[in-house]
Amino acid sequence: MMINKILGYVLLIIGLVLIGWTLFQSYNIFTAKTEAPLVFKTQSELAAGNSNSFDVAEQINKAVQSQLNQIIPPATITKILNLTAWSLLAFILITAGGAVSKIGVKLINGKS
C-alpha cells in the first residue's frame, strides 16, 4: 500500500510537471520569446535557369508565383504551419500529463 501511494505521488508530480512545462513553452512561443520547433521549412529559391526562355507557360507561372509571394509570403505560411504543429504537440502533451496525473491520483486514493 505504501509503495502505491509513493508511486501515485511520483506519477502525479510527473504529470503536473509535463503540463506545466508544456504551458510554459507555449507561453514563450506565442509571446515570441522563443521560436516554435521547425517542423516545416521554407524551400529556398531554386536557380532561375535560362532567363532568355520564350516558354509562355513558364513566364506566366513565374509571374503568378511572384504575385502570390507578395500577397502571402512563404515564410508566413511556414510559421503558421509550425505554430499549428506545436499546438497539436502541446495538446497531446497536456492530455498525456493529465492521464498520468489521473493514474497517480487513483493510486493515492487506493482505487483501481
PDB file of N, CA and C in Angstrom:
ATOM      1  N   MET A   1       0.806  -1.189   0.000  1.00  0.00           N
ATOM      2  CA  MET A   1       0.000   0.000   0.000  1.00  0.00           C
ATOM      3  C   MET A   1       0.857   1.263   0.000  1.00  0.00           C
ATOM      4  N   MET A   2       1.909   1.265   0.774  1.00  0.00           N
ATOM      5  CA  MET A   2       2.766   2.446   0.861  1.00  0.00           C
ATOM      6  C   MET A   2       3.469   2.709  -0.474  1.00  0.00           C
ATOM      7  N   ILE A   3       3.844   1.629  -1.181  1.00  0.00           N
ATOM      8  CA  ILE A   3       4.506   1.791  -2.473  1.00  0.00           C
ATOM      9  C   ILE A   3       3.536   2.401  -3.484  1.00  0.00           C
ATOM     10  N   ASN A   4       2.262   2.000  -3.422  1.00  0.00           N
ATOM     11  CA  ASN A   4       1.258   2.568  -4.322  1.00  0.00           C
ATOM     12  C   ASN A   4       1.115   4.072  -4.111  1.00  0.00           C
ATOM     13  N   LYS A   5       1.123   4.509  -2.852  1.00  0.00           N
ATOM     14  CA  LYS A   5       0.998   5.942  -2.566  1.00  0.00           C
ATOM     15  C   LYS A   5       2.235   6.699  -3.059  1.00  0.00           C
ATOM     16  N   ILE A   6       3.411   6.144  -2.828  1.00  0.00           N
ATOM     17  CA  ILE A   6       4.636   6.803  -3.293  1.00  0.00           C
ATOM     18  C   ILE A   6       4.639   6.884  -4.814  1.00  0.00           C
ATOM     19  N   LEU A   7       4.311   5.768  -5.467  1.00  0.00           N
ATOM     20  CA  LEU A   7       4.238   5.756  -6.927  1.00  0.00           C
ATOM     21  C   LEU A   7       3.166   6.723  -7.427  1.00  0.00           C
ATOM     22  N   GLY A   8       2.058   6.803  -6.704  1.00  0.00           N
ATOM     23  CA  GLY A   8       0.993   7.733  -7.063  1.00  0.00           C
ATOM     24  C   GLY A   8       1.448   9.177  -7.013  1.00  0.00           C
ATOM     25  N   TYR A   9       2.168   9.536  -5.950  1.00  0.00           N
ATOM     26  CA  TYR A   9       2.677  10.908  -5.845  1.00  0.00           C
ATOM     27  C   TYR A   9       3.713  11.200  -6.933  1.00  0.00           C
ATOM     28  N   VAL A  10       4.550  10.216  -7.232  1.00  0.00           N
ATOM     29  CA  VAL A  10       5.551  10.404  -8.294  1.00  0.00           C
ATOM     30  C   VAL A  10       4.858  10.635  -9.639  1.00  0.00           C
ATOM     31  N   LEU A  11       3.845   9.819  -9.938  1.00  0.00           N
ATOM     32  CA  LEU A  11       3.123   9.982 -11.200  1.00  0.00           C
ATOM     33  C   LEU A  11       2.367  11.311 -11.241  1.00  0.00           C
ATOM     34  N   LEU A  12       1.791  11.707 -10.133  1.00  0.00           N
ATOM     35  CA  LEU A  12       1.096  12.983 -10.065  1.00  0.00           C
ATOM     36  C   LEU A  12       2.055  14.142 -10.347  1.00  0.00           C
ATOM     37  N   ILE A  13       3.225  14.088  -9.736  1.00  0.00           N
ATOM     38  CA  ILE A  13       4.217  15.143  -9.942  1.00  0.00           C
ATOM     39  C   ILE A  13       4.720  15.145 -11.384  1.00  0.00           C
ATOM     40  N   ILE A  14       4.983  13.971 -11.945  1.00  0.00           N
ATOM     41  CA  ILE A  14       5.437  13.893 -13.340  1.00  0.00           C
ATOM     42  C   ILE A  14       4.384  14.482 -14.283  1.00  0.00           C
ATOM     43  N   GLY A  15       3.127  14.136 -14.063  1.00  0.00           N
ATOM     44  CA  GLY A  15       2.052  14.668 -14.909  1.00  0.00           C
ATOM     45  C   GLY A  15       1.934  16.176 -14.806  1.00  0.00           C
ATOM     46  N   LEU A  16       2.005  16.700 -13.590  1.00  0.00           N
ATOM     47  CA  LEU A  16       1.907  18.146 -13.402  1.00  0.00           C
ATOM     48  C   LEU A  16       3.105  18.885 -13.987  1.00  0.00           C
ATOM     49  N   VAL A  17       4.300  18.292 -13.863  1.00  0.00           N
ATOM     50  CA  VAL A  17       5.483  18.907 -14.454  1.00  0.00           C
ATOM     51  C   VAL A  17       5.371  18.929 -15.977  1.00  0.00           C
ATOM     52  N   LEU A  18       4.879  17.843 -16.556  1.00  0.00           N
ATOM     53  CA  LEU A  18       4.698  17.776 -18.010  1.00  0.00           C
ATOM     54  C   LEU A  18       3.708  18.842 -18.482  1.00  0.00           C
ATOM     55  N   ILE A  19       2.614  18.994 -17.769  1.00  0.00           N
ATOM     56  CA  ILE A  19       1.631  20.021 -18.125  1.00  0.00           C
ATOM     57  C   ILE A  19       2.228  21.416 -17.949  1.00  0.00           C
ATOM     58  N   GLY A  20       2.895  21.652 -16.841  1.00  0.00           N
ATOM     59  CA  GLY A  20       3.495  22.962 -16.575  1.00  0.00           C
ATOM     60  C   GLY A  20       4.559  23.335 -17.585  1.00  0.00           C
ATOM     61  N   TRP A  21       5.427  22.385 -17.925  1.00  0.00           N
ATOM     62  CA  TRP A  21       6.487  22.659 -18.907  1.00  0.00           C
ATOM     63  C   TRP A  21       5.882  22.990 -20.266  1.00  0.00           C
ATOM     64  N   THR A  22       4.850  22.244 -20.661  1.00  0.00           N
ATOM     65  CA  THR A  22       4.213  22.486 -21.954  1.00  0.00           C
ATOM     66  C   THR A  22       3.566  23.862 -21.991  1.00  0.00           C
ATOM     67  N   LEU A  23       2.880  24.230 -20.925  1.00  0.00           N
ATOM     68  CA  LEU A  23       2.262  25.555 -20.878  1.00  0.00           C
ATOM     69  C   LEU A  23       3.305  26.661 -20.883  1.00  0.00           C
ATOM     70  N   PHE A  24       4.416  26.463 -20.179  1.00  0.00           N
ATOM     71  CA  PHE A  24       5.495  27.457 -20.155  1.00  0.00           C
ATOM     72  C   PHE A  24       6.108  27.628 -21.549  1.00  0.00           C
ATOM     73  N   GLN A  25       6.368  26.508 -22.224  1.00  0.00           N
ATOM     74  CA  GLN A  25       6.923  26.574 -23.583  1.00  0.00           C
ATOM     75  C   GLN A  25       5.935  27.245 -24.542  1.00  0.00           C
ATOM     76  N   SER A  26       4.659  26.922 -24.407  1.00  0.00           N
ATOM     77  CA  SER A  26       3.645  27.537 -25.267  1.00  0.00           C
ATOM     78  C   SER A  26       3.589  29.046 -25.042  1.00  0.00           C
ATOM     79  N   TYR A  27       3.656  29.458 -23.794  1.00  0.00           N
ATOM     80  CA  TYR A  27       3.666  30.892 -23.487  1.00  0.00           C
ATOM     81  C   TYR A  27       4.868  31.570 -24.142  1.00  0.00           C
ATOM     82  N   ASN A  28       6.043  30.955 -24.019  1.00  0.00           N
ATOM     83  CA  ASN A  28       7.248  31.538 -24.620  1.00  0.00           C
ATOM     84  C   ASN A  28       7.161  31.588 -26.140  1.00  0.00           C
ATOM     85  N   ILE A  29       6.576  30.588 -26.750  1.00  0.00           N
ATOM     86  CA  ILE A  29       6.459  30.563 -28.213  1.00  0.00           C
ATOM     87  C   ILE A  29       5.465  31.612 -28.690  1.00  0.00           C
ATOM     88  N   PHE A  30       4.324  31.694 -28.048  1.00  0.00           N
ATOM     89  CA  PHE A  30       3.295  32.616 -28.515  1.00  0.00           C
ATOM     90  C   PHE A  30       3.552  34.067 -28.115  1.00  0.00           C
ATOM     91  N   THR A  31       4.480  34.312 -27.208  1.00  0.00           N
ATOM     92  CA  THR A  31       4.904  35.685 -26.926  1.00  0.00           C
ATOM     93  C   THR A  31       6.197  36.023 -27.655  1.00  0.00           C
ATOM     94  N   ALA A  32       6.629  35.138 -28.545  1.00  0.00           N
ATOM     95  CA  ALA A  32       7.796  35.334 -29.418  1.00  0.00           C
ATOM     96  C   ALA A  32       9.104  35.446 -28.638  1.00  0.00           C
ATOM     97  N   LYS A  33       9.175  34.839 -27.461  1.00  0.00           N
ATOM     98  CA  LYS A  33      10.441  34.790 -26.726  1.00  0.00           C
ATOM     99  C   LYS A  33      11.332  33.686 -27.278  1.00  0.00           C
ATOM    100  N   THR A  34      10.718  32.610 -27.782  1.00  0.00           N
ATOM    101  CA  THR A  34      11.446  31.536 -28.459  1.00  0.00           C
ATOM    102  C   THR A  34      10.693  31.184 -29.735  1.00  0.00           C
ATOM    103  N   GLU A  35      11.369  30.505 -30.621  1.00  0.00           N
ATOM    104  CA  GLU A  35      10.763  30.080 -31.877  1.00  0.00           C
ATOM    105  C   GLU A  35      10.056  28.742 -31.691  1.00  0.00           C
ATOM    106  N   ALA A  36       9.024  28.532 -32.472  1.00  0.00           N
ATOM    107  CA  ALA A  36       8.362  27.231 -32.484  1.00  0.00           C
ATOM    108  C   ALA A  36       9.309  26.215 -33.118  1.00  0.00           C
ATOM    109  N   PRO A  37       9.218  24.962 -32.730  1.00  0.00           N
ATOM    110  CA  PRO A  37      10.070  23.948 -33.361  1.00  0.00           C
ATOM    111  C   PRO A  37       9.850  23.931 -34.873  1.00  0.00           C
ATOM    112  N   LEU A  38      10.945  23.831 -35.607  1.00  0.00           N
ATOM    113  CA  LEU A  38      10.859  23.864 -37.068  1.00  0.00           C
ATOM    114  C   LEU A  38      10.495  22.488 -37.603  1.00  0.00           C
ATOM    115  N   VAL A  39       9.219  22.298 -37.848  1.00  0.00           N
ATOM    116  CA  VAL A  39       8.741  21.071 -38.470  1.00  0.00           C
ATOM    117  C   VAL A  39       8.706  21.268 -39.978  1.00  0.00           C
ATOM    118  N   PHE A  40       8.282  22.474 -40.381  1.00  0.00           N
ATOM    119  CA  PHE A  40       8.208  22.835 -41.790  1.00  0.00           C
ATOM    120  C   PHE A  40       9.228  23.923 -42.062  1.00  0.00           C
ATOM    121  N   LYS A  41       9.885  23.858 -43.219  1.00  0.00           N
ATOM    122  CA  LYS A  41      10.877  24.849 -43.603  1.00  0.00           C
ATOM    123  C   LYS A  41      10.524  25.419 -44.968  1.00  0.00           C
ATOM    124  N   THR A  42      10.899  26.680 -45.177  1.00  0.00           N
ATOM    125  CA  THR A  42      10.669  27.329 -46.463  1.00  0.00           C
ATOM    126  C   THR A  42      11.674  26.802 -47.465  1.00  0.00           C
ATOM    127  N   GLN A  43      11.159  26.430 -48.616  1.00  0.00           N
ATOM    128  CA  GLN A  43      12.055  25.941 -49.662  1.00  0.00           C
ATOM    129  C   GLN A  43      12.816  27.132 -50.221  1.00  0.00           C
ATOM    130  N   SER A  44      14.142  27.013 -50.297  1.00  0.00           N
ATOM    131  CA  SER A  44      14.946  28.117 -50.804  1.00  0.00           C
ATOM    132  C   SER A  44      14.689  28.305 -52.296  1.00  0.00           C
ATOM    133  N   GLU A  45      14.957  29.508 -52.722  1.00  0.00           N
ATOM    134  CA  GLU A  45      14.755  29.818 -54.137  1.00  0.00           C
ATOM    135  C   GLU A  45      15.634  28.918 -54.997  1.00  0.00           C
ATOM    136  N   LEU A  46      15.019  28.322 -55.980  1.00  0.00           N
ATOM    137  CA  LEU A  46      15.763  27.485 -56.908  1.00  0.00           C
ATOM    138  C   LEU A  46      16.428  28.361 -57.953  1.00  0.00           C
ATOM    139  N   ALA A  47      17.405  27.824 -58.602  1.00  0.00           N
ATOM    140  CA  ALA A  47      18.097  28.580 -59.641  1.00  0.00           C
ATOM    141  C   ALA A  47      17.100  28.984 -60.722  1.00  0.00           C
ATOM    142  N   ALA A  48      17.225  30.211 -61.175  1.00  0.00           N
ATOM    143  CA  ALA A  48      16.259  30.751 -62.134  1.00  0.00           C
ATOM    144  C   ALA A  48      16.315  30.032 -63.474  1.00  0.00           C
ATOM    145  N   GLY A  49      17.435  29.475 -63.790  1.00  0.00           N
ATOM    146  CA  GLY A  49      17.551  28.749 -65.058  1.00  0.00           C
ATOM    147  C   GLY A  49      17.841  29.695 -66.195  1.00  0.00           C
ATOM    148  N   ASN A  50      17.341  29.389 -67.360  1.00  0.00           N
ATOM    149  CA  ASN A  50      17.581  30.180 -68.554  1.00  0.00           C
ATOM    150  C   ASN A  50      16.654  31.387 -68.547  1.00  0.00           C
ATOM    151  N   SER A  51      17.204  32.603 -68.449  1.00  0.00           N
ATOM    152  CA  SER A  51      16.392  33.804 -68.389  1.00  0.00           C
ATOM    153  C   SER A  51      15.886  34.224 -69.764  1.00  0.00           C
ATOM    154  N   ASN A  52      16.448  33.683 -70.837  1.00  0.00           N
ATOM    155  CA  ASN A  52      16.031  34.027 -72.193  1.00  0.00           C
ATOM    156  C   ASN A  52      14.981  33.061 -72.718  1.00  0.00           C
ATOM    157  N   SER A  53      14.314  32.364 -71.831  1.00  0.00           N
ATOM    158  CA  SER A  53      13.335  31.373 -72.241  1.00  0.00           C
ATOM    159  C   SER A  53      12.111  32.065 -72.838  1.00  0.00           C
ATOM    160  N   PHE A  54      11.608  31.495 -73.915  1.00  0.00           N
ATOM    161  CA  PHE A  54      10.430  32.052 -74.567  1.00  0.00           C
ATOM    162  C   PHE A  54       9.196  31.202 -74.292  1.00  0.00           C
ATOM    163  N   ASP A  55       9.286  30.322 -73.321  1.00  0.00           N
ATOM    164  CA  ASP A  55       8.148  29.480 -72.959  1.00  0.00           C
ATOM    165  C   ASP A  55       7.120  30.344 -72.217  1.00  0.00           C
ATOM    166  N   VAL A  56       5.989  30.569 -72.845  1.00  0.00           N
ATOM    167  CA  VAL A  56       4.966  31.457 -72.303  1.00  0.00           C
ATOM    168  C   VAL A  56       4.398  30.900 -70.991  1.00  0.00           C
ATOM    169  N   ALA A  57       4.165  29.596 -70.952  1.00  0.00           N
ATOM    170  CA  ALA A  57       3.608  28.984 -69.745  1.00  0.00           C
ATOM    171  C   ALA A  57       4.551  29.171 -68.562  1.00  0.00           C
ATOM    172  N   GLU A  58       5.840  29.041 -68.790  1.00  0.00           N
ATOM    173  CA  GLU A  58       6.818  29.205 -67.708  1.00  0.00           C
ATOM    174  C   GLU A  58       6.838  30.653 -67.220  1.00  0.00           C
ATOM    175  N   GLN A  59       6.750  31.611 -68.157  1.00  0.00           N
ATOM    176  CA  GLN A  59       6.744  33.018 -67.764  1.00  0.00           C
ATOM    177  C   GLN A  59       5.475  33.370 -66.986  1.00  0.00           C
ATOM    178  N   ILE A  60       4.341  32.813 -67.395  1.00  0.00           N
ATOM    179  CA  ILE A  60       3.085  33.054 -66.673  1.00  0.00           C
ATOM    180  C   ILE A  60       3.170  32.449 -65.277  1.00  0.00           C
ATOM    181  N   ASN A  61       3.732  31.244 -65.185  1.00  0.00           N
ATOM    182  CA  ASN A  61       3.886  30.582 -63.894  1.00  0.00           C
ATOM    183  C   ASN A  61       4.751  31.418 -62.959  1.00  0.00           C
ATOM    184  N   LYS A  62       5.850  31.965 -63.465  1.00  0.00           N
ATOM    185  CA  LYS A  62       6.727  32.801 -62.637  1.00  0.00           C
ATOM    186  C   LYS A  62       6.021  34.073 -62.197  1.00  0.00           C
ATOM    187  N   ALA A  63       5.228  34.671 -63.091  1.00  0.00           N
ATOM    188  CA  ALA A  63       4.514  35.902 -62.752  1.00  0.00           C
ATOM    189  C   ALA A  63       3.454  35.643 -61.682  1.00  0.00           C
ATOM    190  N   VAL A  64       2.715  34.557 -61.810  1.00  0.00           N
ATOM    191  CA  VAL A  64       1.693  34.215 -60.825  1.00  0.00           C
ATOM    192  C   VAL A  64       2.344  33.918 -59.476  1.00  0.00           C
ATOM    193  N   GLN A  65       3.442  33.171 -59.493  1.00  0.00           N
ATOM    194  CA  GLN A  65       4.122  32.839 -58.240  1.00  0.00           C
ATOM    195  C   GLN A  65       4.663  34.100 -57.573  1.00  0.00           C
ATOM    196  N   SER A  66       5.161  35.035 -58.359  1.00  0.00           N
ATOM    197  CA  SER A  66       5.659  36.291 -57.814  1.00  0.00           C
ATOM    198  C   SER A  66       4.539  37.083 -57.153  1.00  0.00           C
ATOM    199  N   GLN A  67       3.376  37.121 -57.799  1.00  0.00           N
ATOM    200  CA  GLN A  67       2.231  37.840 -57.231  1.00  0.00           C
ATOM    201  C   GLN A  67       1.740  37.167 -55.942  1.00  0.00           C
ATOM    202  N   LEU A  68       1.700  35.834 -55.933  1.00  0.00           N
ATOM    203  CA  LEU A  68       1.270  35.113 -54.733  1.00  0.00           C
ATOM    204  C   LEU A  68       2.234  35.343 -53.578  1.00  0.00           C
ATOM    205  N   ASN A  69       3.528  35.407 -53.879  1.00  0.00           N
ATOM    206  CA  ASN A  69       4.527  35.643 -52.829  1.00  0.00           C
ATOM    207  C   ASN A  69       4.393  37.036 -52.242  1.00  0.00           C
ATOM    208  N   GLN A  70       3.873  37.990 -53.038  1.00  0.00           N
ATOM    209  CA  GLN A  70       3.654  39.333 -52.499  1.00  0.00           C
ATOM    210  C   GLN A  70       2.430  39.370 -51.593  1.00  0.00           C
ATOM    211  N   ILE A  71       1.413  38.555 -51.898  1.00  0.00           N
ATOM    212  CA  ILE A  71       0.199  38.531 -51.087  1.00  0.00           C
ATOM    213  C   ILE A  71       0.449  37.791 -49.774  1.00  0.00           C
ATOM    214  N   ILE A  72       0.950  36.553 -49.870  1.00  0.00           N
ATOM    215  CA  ILE A  72       1.244  35.735 -48.693  1.00  0.00           C
ATOM    216  C   ILE A  72       2.680  35.233 -48.829  1.00  0.00           C
ATOM    217  N   PRO A  73       3.598  35.815 -48.079  1.00  0.00           N
ATOM    218  CA  PRO A  73       4.989  35.354 -48.161  1.00  0.00           C
ATOM    219  C   PRO A  73       5.120  33.906 -47.675  1.00  0.00           C
ATOM    220  N   PRO A  74       5.996  33.138 -48.323  1.00  0.00           N
ATOM    221  CA  PRO A  74       6.175  31.731 -47.909  1.00  0.00           C
ATOM    222  C   PRO A  74       6.598  31.589 -46.445  1.00  0.00           C
ATOM    223  N   ALA A  75       7.341  32.543 -45.924  1.00  0.00           N
ATOM    224  CA  ALA A  75       7.777  32.462 -44.523  1.00  0.00           C
ATOM    225  C   ALA A  75       6.578  32.521 -43.574  1.00  0.00           C
ATOM    226  N   THR A  76       5.555  33.270 -43.952  1.00  0.00           N
ATOM    227  CA  THR A  76       4.357  33.369 -43.118  1.00  0.00           C
ATOM    228  C   THR A  76       3.613  32.044 -43.090  1.00  0.00           C
ATOM    229  N   ILE A  77       3.525  31.400 -44.227  1.00  0.00           N
ATOM    230  CA  ILE A  77       2.828  30.113 -44.298  1.00  0.00           C
ATOM    231  C   ILE A  77       3.542  29.075 -43.444  1.00  0.00           C
ATOM    232  N   THR A  78       4.872  29.011 -43.539  1.00  0.00           N
ATOM    233  CA  THR A  78       5.604  28.029 -42.734  1.00  0.00           C
ATOM    234  C   THR A  78       5.513  28.351 -41.248  1.00  0.00           C
ATOM    235  N   LYS A  79       5.472  29.637 -40.898  1.00  0.00           N
ATOM    236  CA  LYS A  79       5.338  30.000 -39.484  1.00  0.00           C
ATOM    237  C   LYS A  79       3.984  29.537 -38.946  1.00  0.00           C
ATOM    238  N   ILE A  80       2.934  29.725 -39.726  1.00  0.00           N
ATOM    239  CA  ILE A  80       1.601  29.278 -39.308  1.00  0.00           C
ATOM    240  C   ILE A  80       1.579  27.755 -39.166  1.00  0.00           C
ATOM    241  N   LEU A  81       2.188  27.059 -40.111  1.00  0.00           N
ATOM    242  CA  LEU A  81       2.227  25.598 -40.036  1.00  0.00           C
ATOM    243  C   LEU A  81       3.018  25.126 -38.814  1.00  0.00           C
ATOM    244  N   ASN A  82       4.148  25.781 -38.512  1.00  0.00           N
ATOM    245  CA  ASN A  82       4.947  25.402 -37.339  1.00  0.00           C
ATOM    246  C   ASN A  82       4.185  25.674 -36.040  1.00  0.00           C
ATOM    247  N   LEU A  83       3.458  26.792 -35.970  1.00  0.00           N
ATOM    248  CA  LEU A  83       2.657  27.067 -34.769  1.00  0.00           C
ATOM    249  C   LEU A  83       1.523  26.063 -34.616  1.00  0.00           C
ATOM    250  N   THR A  84       0.940  25.661 -35.737  1.00  0.00           N
ATOM    251  CA  THR A  84      -0.117  24.650 -35.688  1.00  0.00           C
ATOM    252  C   THR A  84       0.440  23.308 -35.221  1.00  0.00           C
ATOM    253  N   ALA A  85       1.618  22.949 -35.724  1.00  0.00           N
ATOM    254  CA  ALA A  85       2.249  21.693 -35.301  1.00  0.00           C
ATOM    255  C   ALA A  85       2.564  21.737 -33.807  1.00  0.00           C
ATOM    256  N   TRP A  86       3.072  22.873 -33.314  1.00  0.00           N
ATOM    257  CA  TRP A  86       3.357  22.979 -31.881  1.00  0.00           C
ATOM    258  C   TRP A  86       2.071  22.885 -31.070  1.00  0.00           C
ATOM    259  N   SER A  87       1.002  23.523 -31.532  1.00  0.00           N
ATOM    260  CA  SER A  87      -0.266  23.468 -30.810  1.00  0.00           C
ATOM    261  C   SER A  87      -0.772  22.034 -30.697  1.00  0.00           C
ATOM    262  N   LEU A  88      -0.644  21.281 -31.764  1.00  0.00           N
ATOM    263  CA  LEU A  88      -1.059  19.877 -31.736  1.00  0.00           C
ATOM    264  C   LEU A  88      -0.202  19.078 -30.761  1.00  0.00           C
ATOM    265  N   LEU A  89       1.112  19.293 -30.801  1.00  0.00           N
ATOM    266  CA  LEU A  89       2.007  18.599 -29.874  1.00  0.00           C
ATOM    267  C   LEU A  89       1.712  18.995 -28.429  1.00  0.00           C
ATOM    268  N   ALA A  90       1.456  20.280 -28.191  1.00  0.00           N
ATOM    269  CA  ALA A  90       1.151  20.741 -26.832  1.00  0.00           C
ATOM    270  C   ALA A  90      -0.142  20.103 -26.334  1.00  0.00           C
ATOM    271  N   PHE A  91      -1.143  19.989 -27.207  1.00  0.00           N
ATOM    272  CA  PHE A  91      -2.397  19.335 -26.819  1.00  0.00           C
ATOM    273  C   PHE A  91      -2.143  17.888 -26.419  1.00  0.00           C
ATOM    274  N   ILE A  92      -1.323  17.188 -27.197  1.00  0.00           N
ATOM    275  CA  ILE A  92      -1.008  15.790 -26.887  1.00  0.00           C
ATOM    276  C   ILE A  92      -0.260  15.689 -25.555  1.00  0.00           C
ATOM    277  N   LEU A  93       0.727  16.570 -25.330  1.00  0.00           N
ATOM    278  CA  LEU A  93       1.499  16.530 -24.088  1.00  0.00           C
ATOM    279  C   LEU A  93       0.636  16.857 -22.867  1.00  0.00           C
ATOM    280  N   ILE A  94      -0.255  17.830 -22.993  1.00  0.00           N
ATOM    281  CA  ILE A  94      -1.122  18.181 -21.863  1.00  0.00           C
ATOM    282  C   ILE A  94      -2.092  17.045 -21.568  1.00  0.00           C
ATOM    283  N   THR A  95      -2.624  16.438 -22.628  1.00  0.00           N
ATOM    284  CA  THR A  95      -3.528  15.304 -22.428  1.00  0.00           C
ATOM    285  C   THR A  95      -2.791  14.140 -21.761  1.00  0.00           C
ATOM    286  N   ALA A  96      -1.566  13.876 -22.196  1.00  0.00           N
ATOM    287  CA  ALA A  96      -0.775  12.801 -21.589  1.00  0.00           C
ATOM    288  C   ALA A  96      -0.454  13.117 -20.131  1.00  0.00           C
ATOM    289  N   GLY A  97      -0.102  14.356 -19.839  1.00  0.00           N
ATOM    290  CA  GLY A  97       0.166  14.750 -18.455  1.00  0.00           C
ATOM    291  C   GLY A  97      -1.055  14.587 -17.576  1.00  0.00           C
ATOM    292  N   GLY A  98      -2.217  14.921 -18.114  1.00  0.00           N
ATOM    293  CA  GLY A  98      -3.459  14.736 -17.363  1.00  0.00           C
ATOM    294  C   GLY A  98      -3.741  13.272 -17.091  1.00  0.00           C
ATOM    295  N   ALA A  99      -3.474  12.414 -18.096  1.00  0.00           N
ATOM    296  CA  ALA A  99      -3.714  10.971 -17.914  1.00  0.00           C
ATOM    297  C   ALA A  99      -2.763  10.391 -16.867  1.00  0.00           C
ATOM    298  N   VAL A 100      -1.489  10.803 -16.910  1.00  0.00           N
ATOM    299  CA  VAL A 100      -0.513  10.308 -15.928  1.00  0.00           C
ATOM    300  C   VAL A 100      -0.902  10.778 -14.525  1.00  0.00           C
ATOM    301  N   SER A 101      -1.324  12.036 -14.411  1.00  0.00           N
ATOM    302  CA  SER A 101      -1.740  12.552 -13.107  1.00  0.00           C
ATOM    303  C   SER A 101      -2.972  11.821 -12.588  1.00  0.00           C
ATOM    304  N   LYS A 102      -3.895  11.510 -13.478  1.00  0.00           N
ATOM    305  CA  LYS A 102      -5.110  10.798 -13.086  1.00  0.00           C
ATOM    306  C   LYS A 102      -4.772   9.413 -12.531  1.00  0.00           C
ATOM    307  N   ILE A 103      -3.828   8.729 -13.162  1.00  0.00           N
ATOM    308  CA  ILE A 103      -3.382   7.423 -12.656  1.00  0.00           C
ATOM    309  C   ILE A 103      -2.750   7.591 -11.275  1.00  0.00           C
ATOM    310  N   GLY A 104      -1.945   8.648 -11.124  1.00  0.00           N
ATOM    311  CA  GLY A 104      -1.325   8.911  -9.820  1.00  0.00           C
ATOM    312  C   GLY A 104      -2.342   9.154  -8.728  1.00  0.00           C
ATOM    313  N   VAL A 105      -3.384   9.918  -9.034  1.00  0.00           N
ATOM    314  CA  VAL A 105      -4.431  10.198  -8.040  1.00  0.00           C
ATOM    315  C   VAL A 105      -5.172   8.916  -7.680  1.00  0.00           C
ATOM    316  N   LYS A 106      -5.429   8.061  -8.662  1.00  0.00           N
ATOM    317  CA  LYS A 106      -6.096   6.781  -8.372  1.00  0.00           C
ATOM    318  C   LYS A 106      -5.240   5.918  -7.451  1.00  0.00           C
ATOM    319  N   LEU A 107      -3.919   5.924  -7.679  1.00  0.00           N
ATOM    320  CA  LEU A 107      -3.039   5.143  -6.805  1.00  0.00           C
ATOM    321  C   LEU A 107      -3.004   5.733  -5.388  1.00  0.00           C
ATOM    322  N   ILE A 108      -3.029   7.036  -5.289  1.00  0.00           N
ATOM    323  CA  ILE A 108      -3.005   7.671  -3.972  1.00  0.00           C
ATOM    324  C   ILE A 108      -4.280   7.351  -3.193  1.00  0.00           C
ATOM    325  N   ASN A 109      -5.410   7.406  -3.877  1.00  0.00           N
ATOM    326  CA  ASN A 109      -6.707   7.138  -3.217  1.00  0.00           C
ATOM    327  C   ASN A 109      -6.969   5.657  -2.999  1.00  0.00           C
ATOM    328  N   GLY A 110      -6.181   4.805  -3.635  1.00  0.00           N
ATOM    329  CA  GLY A 110      -6.353   3.367  -3.454  1.00  0.00           C
ATOM    330  C   GLY A 110      -7.453   2.784  -4.301  1.00  0.00           C
ATOM    331  N   LYS A 111      -7.892   3.521  -5.330  1.00  0.00           N
ATOM    332  CA  LYS A 111      -8.935   2.997  -6.213  1.00  0.00           C
ATOM    333  C   LYS A 111      -8.302   2.281  -7.380  1.00  0.00           C
ATOM    334  N   SER A 112      -8.999   1.310  -7.892  1.00  0.00           N
ATOM    335  CA  SER A 112      -8.473   0.530  -9.012  1.00  0.00           C
ATOM    336  C   SER A 112      -8.809   1.181 -10.318  1.00  0.00           C
TER     337      SER A 112
END
